[in-house]
C-alpha cells in the first residue's frame, strides 16, 4: 500500500533540539494525509539514526505500514527546505 501523504509548511529549527531520550527534533511541518490535515508534526532523528515522525497528539496515530514512507517524505521536505534557506 502507498500512503497518499504530503508534507507542507516545513520549518527548520536553527539548532536541532535534543530530547532527554536522545531523539533530535529537526523541524516542524503540516502533514496532509487524506482526509486529514495534521498541523504541528515533527521530523525527528532517533538515537539509532532512523528518521521518524512525531504527531502533536498521542491520540493521532499513523498506520504502521505508512510510517517509514511518511518519514522519508518528511526527510525529503527537510532537505529541500535546507536548500532554499541556504540560498
N, C-alpha and C. Protein backbone atom coordinates (compact mmCIF):
# COMPACT_ATOMS: atom_id res chain seq x y z
N UNK A 1 0.83 -1.18 0.00
CA UNK A 1 0.00 0.00 0.00
C UNK A 1 0.88 1.24 0.00
N UNK A 2 0.36 2.32 -0.57
CA UNK A 2 1.11 3.56 -0.63
C UNK A 2 0.33 4.65 0.10
N UNK A 3 1.01 5.38 0.94
CA UNK A 3 0.37 6.47 1.68
C UNK A 3 0.28 7.68 0.78
N UNK A 4 -0.89 8.27 0.69
CA UNK A 4 -1.09 9.48 -0.10
C UNK A 4 -0.85 10.66 0.84
N UNK A 5 0.41 10.96 1.10
CA UNK A 5 0.77 11.98 2.09
C UNK A 5 1.60 13.08 1.45
N UNK A 6 1.38 14.30 1.92
CA UNK A 6 2.19 15.44 1.51
C UNK A 6 2.66 16.16 2.77
N UNK A 7 3.88 16.68 2.69
CA UNK A 7 4.43 17.47 3.79
C UNK A 7 4.50 18.91 3.30
N UNK A 8 3.88 19.82 4.04
CA UNK A 8 3.87 21.24 3.66
C UNK A 8 4.27 22.09 4.86
N UNK A 9 4.59 23.33 4.58
CA UNK A 9 4.91 24.31 5.63
C UNK A 9 6.03 23.83 6.55
N UNK A 10 7.12 23.30 5.98
CA UNK A 10 8.21 22.78 6.79
C UNK A 10 9.01 23.94 7.37
N UNK A 11 9.22 23.93 8.67
CA UNK A 11 10.01 24.95 9.37
C UNK A 11 11.19 24.26 10.04
N UNK A 12 12.40 24.62 9.61
CA UNK A 12 13.61 24.04 10.18
C UNK A 12 13.97 24.77 11.46
N UNK A 13 14.36 24.03 12.47
CA UNK A 13 14.85 24.64 13.70
C UNK A 13 16.29 25.09 13.47
N UNK A 14 16.67 26.26 13.97
CA UNK A 14 18.04 26.76 13.82
C UNK A 14 19.05 25.77 14.36
N UNK A 15 18.79 25.26 15.52
CA UNK A 15 19.61 24.22 16.14
C UNK A 15 18.68 23.08 16.52
N UNK A 16 18.99 21.85 16.09
CA UNK A 16 18.12 20.73 16.47
C UNK A 16 17.98 20.62 17.99
N UNK A 17 16.77 20.34 18.43
CA UNK A 17 16.51 20.17 19.86
C UNK A 17 16.75 18.71 20.23
N UNK A 18 17.64 18.47 21.19
CA UNK A 18 17.90 17.11 21.65
C UNK A 18 17.08 16.86 22.91
N UNK A 19 16.27 15.83 22.85
CA UNK A 19 15.43 15.46 24.00
C UNK A 19 16.22 14.56 24.94
N UNK A 20 15.73 14.40 26.15
CA UNK A 20 16.41 13.57 27.16
C UNK A 20 16.63 12.14 26.69
N UNK A 21 15.72 11.64 25.88
CA UNK A 21 15.82 10.25 25.44
C UNK A 21 16.74 10.08 24.22
N UNK A 22 17.42 11.17 23.81
CA UNK A 22 18.38 11.09 22.71
C UNK A 22 17.81 11.38 21.33
N UNK A 23 16.52 11.64 21.23
CA UNK A 23 15.91 11.98 19.95
C UNK A 23 16.22 13.44 19.62
N UNK A 24 16.47 13.74 18.34
CA UNK A 24 16.75 15.11 17.91
C UNK A 24 15.64 15.59 16.99
N UNK A 25 15.00 16.69 17.38
CA UNK A 25 13.93 17.29 16.59
C UNK A 25 14.58 18.25 15.58
N UNK A 26 14.35 17.98 14.28
CA UNK A 26 14.95 18.80 13.22
C UNK A 26 14.05 19.94 12.77
N UNK A 27 12.74 19.72 12.81
CA UNK A 27 11.82 20.75 12.34
C UNK A 27 10.38 20.33 12.51
N UNK A 28 9.49 21.24 12.14
CA UNK A 28 8.05 21.01 12.28
C UNK A 28 7.37 21.23 10.94
N UNK A 29 6.24 20.56 10.74
CA UNK A 29 5.55 20.65 9.45
C UNK A 29 4.08 20.27 9.61
N UNK A 30 3.35 20.48 8.52
CA UNK A 30 1.95 20.05 8.44
C UNK A 30 1.91 18.83 7.53
N UNK A 31 1.22 17.81 7.97
CA UNK A 31 1.08 16.58 7.19
C UNK A 31 -0.32 16.52 6.61
N UNK A 32 -0.39 16.45 5.28
CA UNK A 32 -1.66 16.27 4.60
C UNK A 32 -1.78 14.78 4.28
N UNK A 33 -2.64 14.12 4.99
CA UNK A 33 -2.83 12.68 4.86
C UNK A 33 -4.33 12.45 4.73
N UNK A 34 -4.75 12.24 3.51
CA UNK A 34 -6.19 12.20 3.23
C UNK A 34 -6.93 11.36 4.24
N UNK A 35 -8.02 11.81 4.76
CA UNK A 35 -8.67 13.11 4.61
C UNK A 35 -8.26 14.11 5.69
N UNK A 36 -7.13 13.90 6.33
CA UNK A 36 -6.75 14.74 7.47
C UNK A 36 -5.68 15.76 7.12
N UNK A 37 -5.66 16.83 7.90
CA UNK A 37 -4.59 17.83 7.87
C UNK A 37 -4.08 17.88 9.31
N UNK A 38 -2.84 17.42 9.52
CA UNK A 38 -2.29 17.33 10.87
C UNK A 38 -1.20 18.38 11.01
N UNK A 39 -1.48 19.43 11.74
CA UNK A 39 -0.51 20.51 11.95
C UNK A 39 0.32 20.23 13.19
N UNK A 40 1.57 20.70 13.19
CA UNK A 40 2.42 20.55 14.36
C UNK A 40 3.18 19.24 14.44
N UNK A 41 3.32 18.54 13.31
CA UNK A 41 4.12 17.31 13.30
C UNK A 41 5.60 17.67 13.37
N UNK A 42 6.43 16.74 13.80
CA UNK A 42 7.87 16.97 13.92
C UNK A 42 8.64 15.87 13.20
N UNK A 43 9.74 16.28 12.53
CA UNK A 43 10.67 15.31 11.96
C UNK A 43 11.77 15.12 13.00
N UNK A 44 12.00 13.87 13.37
CA UNK A 44 12.89 13.55 14.47
C UNK A 44 13.88 12.47 14.03
N UNK A 45 15.12 12.59 14.51
CA UNK A 45 16.11 11.53 14.29
C UNK A 45 16.23 10.74 15.59
N UNK A 46 15.96 9.44 15.48
CA UNK A 46 16.05 8.56 16.65
C UNK A 46 17.51 8.30 17.00
N UNK A 47 17.80 7.86 18.21
CA UNK A 47 19.18 7.56 18.60
C UNK A 47 19.88 6.55 17.67
N UNK A 48 19.10 5.69 17.00
CA UNK A 48 19.69 4.71 16.08
C UNK A 48 19.90 5.28 14.67
N UNK A 49 19.59 6.59 14.47
CA UNK A 49 19.80 7.24 13.18
C UNK A 49 18.62 7.21 12.24
N UNK A 50 17.55 6.53 12.60
CA UNK A 50 16.36 6.48 11.74
C UNK A 50 15.55 7.75 11.88
N UNK A 51 14.95 8.19 10.77
CA UNK A 51 14.05 9.33 10.79
C UNK A 51 12.66 8.83 11.16
N UNK A 52 12.01 9.56 12.07
CA UNK A 52 10.66 9.23 12.48
C UNK A 52 9.84 10.51 12.52
N UNK A 53 8.53 10.34 12.49
CA UNK A 53 7.61 11.47 12.56
C UNK A 53 6.84 11.39 13.87
N UNK A 54 6.83 12.51 14.57
CA UNK A 54 6.02 12.62 15.78
C UNK A 54 4.81 13.48 15.44
N UNK A 55 3.63 13.03 15.87
CA UNK A 55 2.42 13.82 15.70
C UNK A 55 2.21 14.65 16.96
N UNK A 56 1.45 15.75 16.86
CA UNK A 56 1.31 16.64 18.01
C UNK A 56 0.50 16.08 19.16
N UNK A 57 -0.25 15.03 18.92
CA UNK A 57 -1.10 14.46 19.96
C UNK A 57 -0.92 12.94 19.95
N UNK A 58 -0.71 12.32 21.10
CA UNK A 58 -0.51 10.87 21.11
C UNK A 58 -1.72 10.08 20.61
N UNK A 59 -2.88 10.71 20.56
CA UNK A 59 -4.08 10.04 20.05
C UNK A 59 -4.11 9.98 18.53
N UNK A 60 -3.27 10.78 17.87
CA UNK A 60 -3.20 10.76 16.41
C UNK A 60 -2.17 9.71 16.02
N UNK A 61 -2.62 8.68 15.38
CA UNK A 61 -1.74 7.56 15.01
C UNK A 61 -1.61 7.49 13.49
N UNK A 62 -0.41 7.16 13.03
CA UNK A 62 -0.17 6.89 11.61
C UNK A 62 -0.07 5.38 11.48
N UNK A 63 -0.70 4.83 10.45
CA UNK A 63 -0.68 3.38 10.26
C UNK A 63 0.75 2.86 10.19
N UNK A 64 0.97 1.71 10.79
CA UNK A 64 2.31 1.12 10.85
C UNK A 64 2.94 0.99 9.47
N UNK A 65 2.15 0.56 8.48
CA UNK A 65 2.69 0.34 7.14
C UNK A 65 3.10 1.65 6.46
N UNK A 66 2.59 2.80 6.92
CA UNK A 66 2.88 4.08 6.28
C UNK A 66 3.97 4.88 6.97
N UNK A 67 4.38 4.48 8.17
CA UNK A 67 5.31 5.29 8.96
C UNK A 67 6.62 5.56 8.25
N UNK A 68 7.26 4.55 7.69
CA UNK A 68 8.56 4.74 7.03
C UNK A 68 8.43 5.64 5.81
N UNK A 69 7.37 5.45 5.04
CA UNK A 69 7.16 6.26 3.84
C UNK A 69 6.94 7.73 4.20
N UNK A 70 6.15 7.98 5.22
CA UNK A 70 5.89 9.36 5.63
C UNK A 70 7.15 9.99 6.21
N UNK A 71 7.93 9.24 6.95
CA UNK A 71 9.19 9.76 7.48
C UNK A 71 10.14 10.13 6.34
N UNK A 72 10.19 9.32 5.29
CA UNK A 72 11.04 9.62 4.13
C UNK A 72 10.53 10.86 3.39
N UNK A 73 9.22 11.00 3.25
CA UNK A 73 8.64 12.18 2.62
C UNK A 73 9.01 13.43 3.42
N UNK A 74 8.93 13.35 4.74
CA UNK A 74 9.29 14.49 5.60
C UNK A 74 10.78 14.79 5.51
N UNK A 75 11.62 13.75 5.44
CA UNK A 75 13.06 13.95 5.32
C UNK A 75 13.40 14.67 4.02
N UNK A 76 12.75 14.29 2.93
CA UNK A 76 12.99 14.95 1.64
C UNK A 76 12.53 16.41 1.69
N UNK A 77 11.42 16.68 2.37
CA UNK A 77 10.96 18.07 2.52
C UNK A 77 11.95 18.87 3.35
N UNK A 78 12.55 18.25 4.35
CA UNK A 78 13.58 18.89 5.17
C UNK A 78 14.78 19.26 4.31
N UNK A 79 15.23 18.33 3.47
CA UNK A 79 16.39 18.59 2.59
C UNK A 79 16.08 19.72 1.62
N UNK A 80 14.89 19.71 1.03
CA UNK A 80 14.51 20.77 0.09
C UNK A 80 14.42 22.13 0.79
N UNK A 81 13.91 22.14 2.00
CA UNK A 81 13.82 23.39 2.76
C UNK A 81 15.21 23.90 3.10
N UNK A 82 16.12 23.00 3.46
CA UNK A 82 17.51 23.40 3.74
C UNK A 82 18.13 24.07 2.52
N UNK A 83 17.88 23.54 1.34
CA UNK A 83 18.43 24.11 0.10
C UNK A 83 17.93 25.53 -0.11
N UNK A 84 16.64 25.75 0.14
CA UNK A 84 16.06 27.09 -0.06
C UNK A 84 16.59 28.08 0.96
N UNK A 85 16.78 27.64 2.19
CA UNK A 85 17.27 28.52 3.25
C UNK A 85 18.72 28.89 3.01
N UNK A 86 19.50 27.97 2.46
CA UNK A 86 20.94 28.20 2.24
C UNK A 86 21.21 29.20 1.12
N UNK A 87 20.22 29.45 0.27
CA UNK A 87 20.43 30.36 -0.87
C UNK A 87 20.53 31.79 -0.43
